[in-house]
Amino acid sequence: MIPRQIGGPASLLILITILLVGASLLDSKPYTIVKAQSDTYQQELSAGKDLLRRRNYEDALRSFKRANEMRGKKSAECYYLMSEAYFSLGAYKNVIESAEKVVEFAGDNKQLTWNGYNNKGLALQTLAEKKDQKKLQAAEAAFRQALAIEGAAPVIRYNLGVTLLQLNRDPEGIAEINEYIRLQPSGPYTNSARKLAENPRRARENYAPDFSFTSSEGEHIALEDLRGKVVVLDFWATWCGPCLDSIPAIRNMHKKFSQEQSFVLIGISADSEEDVWREFTVKNKMIWPQYRDRDRRLQRAFRVSAFPTYVVIDHEGIVRFQSEGASWERAVDLLQAIQKQVKIVAKSASEAR
């Protein structure tokens, strides 16, 4: 993999709502539109649902397709579950096609219908990458169609609100976000919704996910406490060859920027053995804050899938750079990204005096 500048699909929580909205469908009894399901159909469908839960998306998709064949390719339930599998595979165009089939064959099943529109809207919004106005407008239309159906889930208000914010229609977007908060004051996305209402830029910028941890030295560190600073996250492991090769350069980088009060370097290890990790950081004089991400919480939050991964977060909490799976020599833009953000902080401080 090569270093890349951040600018892909947003890691907003709305990308997860597809699982929340569909959870009842995964666990529910067969829909009324398929009352005469055969045992074979049921077995295939159940097998697919189990595979989906276990994140075996390709095999789940095959099961749903086989089950759909048994219904003459007219099963709204199968198309809905196919859209779930496609979404997890990142095949957003296929999500849209499957979601449209859900709506076509759902009949009077309102829950399936609004789920179909919702999934279509989510896929369009993801493809828009926060900037494609036509796709965002199409996503808006899909969410509004979902909300026009009786019993539509409140989370669709949240999805619509985010889309409107991305269309720079802040008053309308905030109104939808606030309506979601009113309907679900303790909902799974309420905290995120409140932050979006307070700062609509969160829907348009690549804000870093909130995180907090206690370092190896017993220091509690939280992103909210690092506002105003340039934060560099180094995702690494003692078993990663390129990570180990990069340590001298990272040590030099820390020495170079440590004189800047606005600079913070944090090492986040994927090691499973604490003793090995602690001994290694001491031996190699890795004196900047270190954290062992034993439950992969931060790795999942930042979608880290290869090591080393470097993330640069600016003074506002926005991710400005991320390189994944590249050695230090190949992460050529990292130092430039850090220097740029440190200069911005220094300039802002100077102008504020």
Foldseek 3Di string as FASTA:
>chain_A
DFWDWDQAFAPDCLLVVLCVLCVCVLVDDDDPLPVPQDPQLVVLQVVLSVCVVVVVLVSSLVSLVVSCVVVVVQDLSSLSSNLSSCSSVVVLVSNLVSLVSNCVRVPPVLSSVLSSLQSNLSSLSNVCSLPNLVSLVSSLVSLVVSVVGPPRDLCSLLSNLLSCLSVVVNVSSLVSLVVSCVVCVPDPCNVVSVVCNVPVCVSRFRFADWDWDQFPVRRIDTPVVLALAKEKEWEAEPPDPLRVVCLVVVVVVCVVCVVQPRYAYEYEYQDQDPVVVVVVCVVSVVPGTYYYPPVCPNCVRVVADAPTKMWIAANHRTTGTITHNDHPVSNVCVVVVNVVRSVVSVVVVVVVD
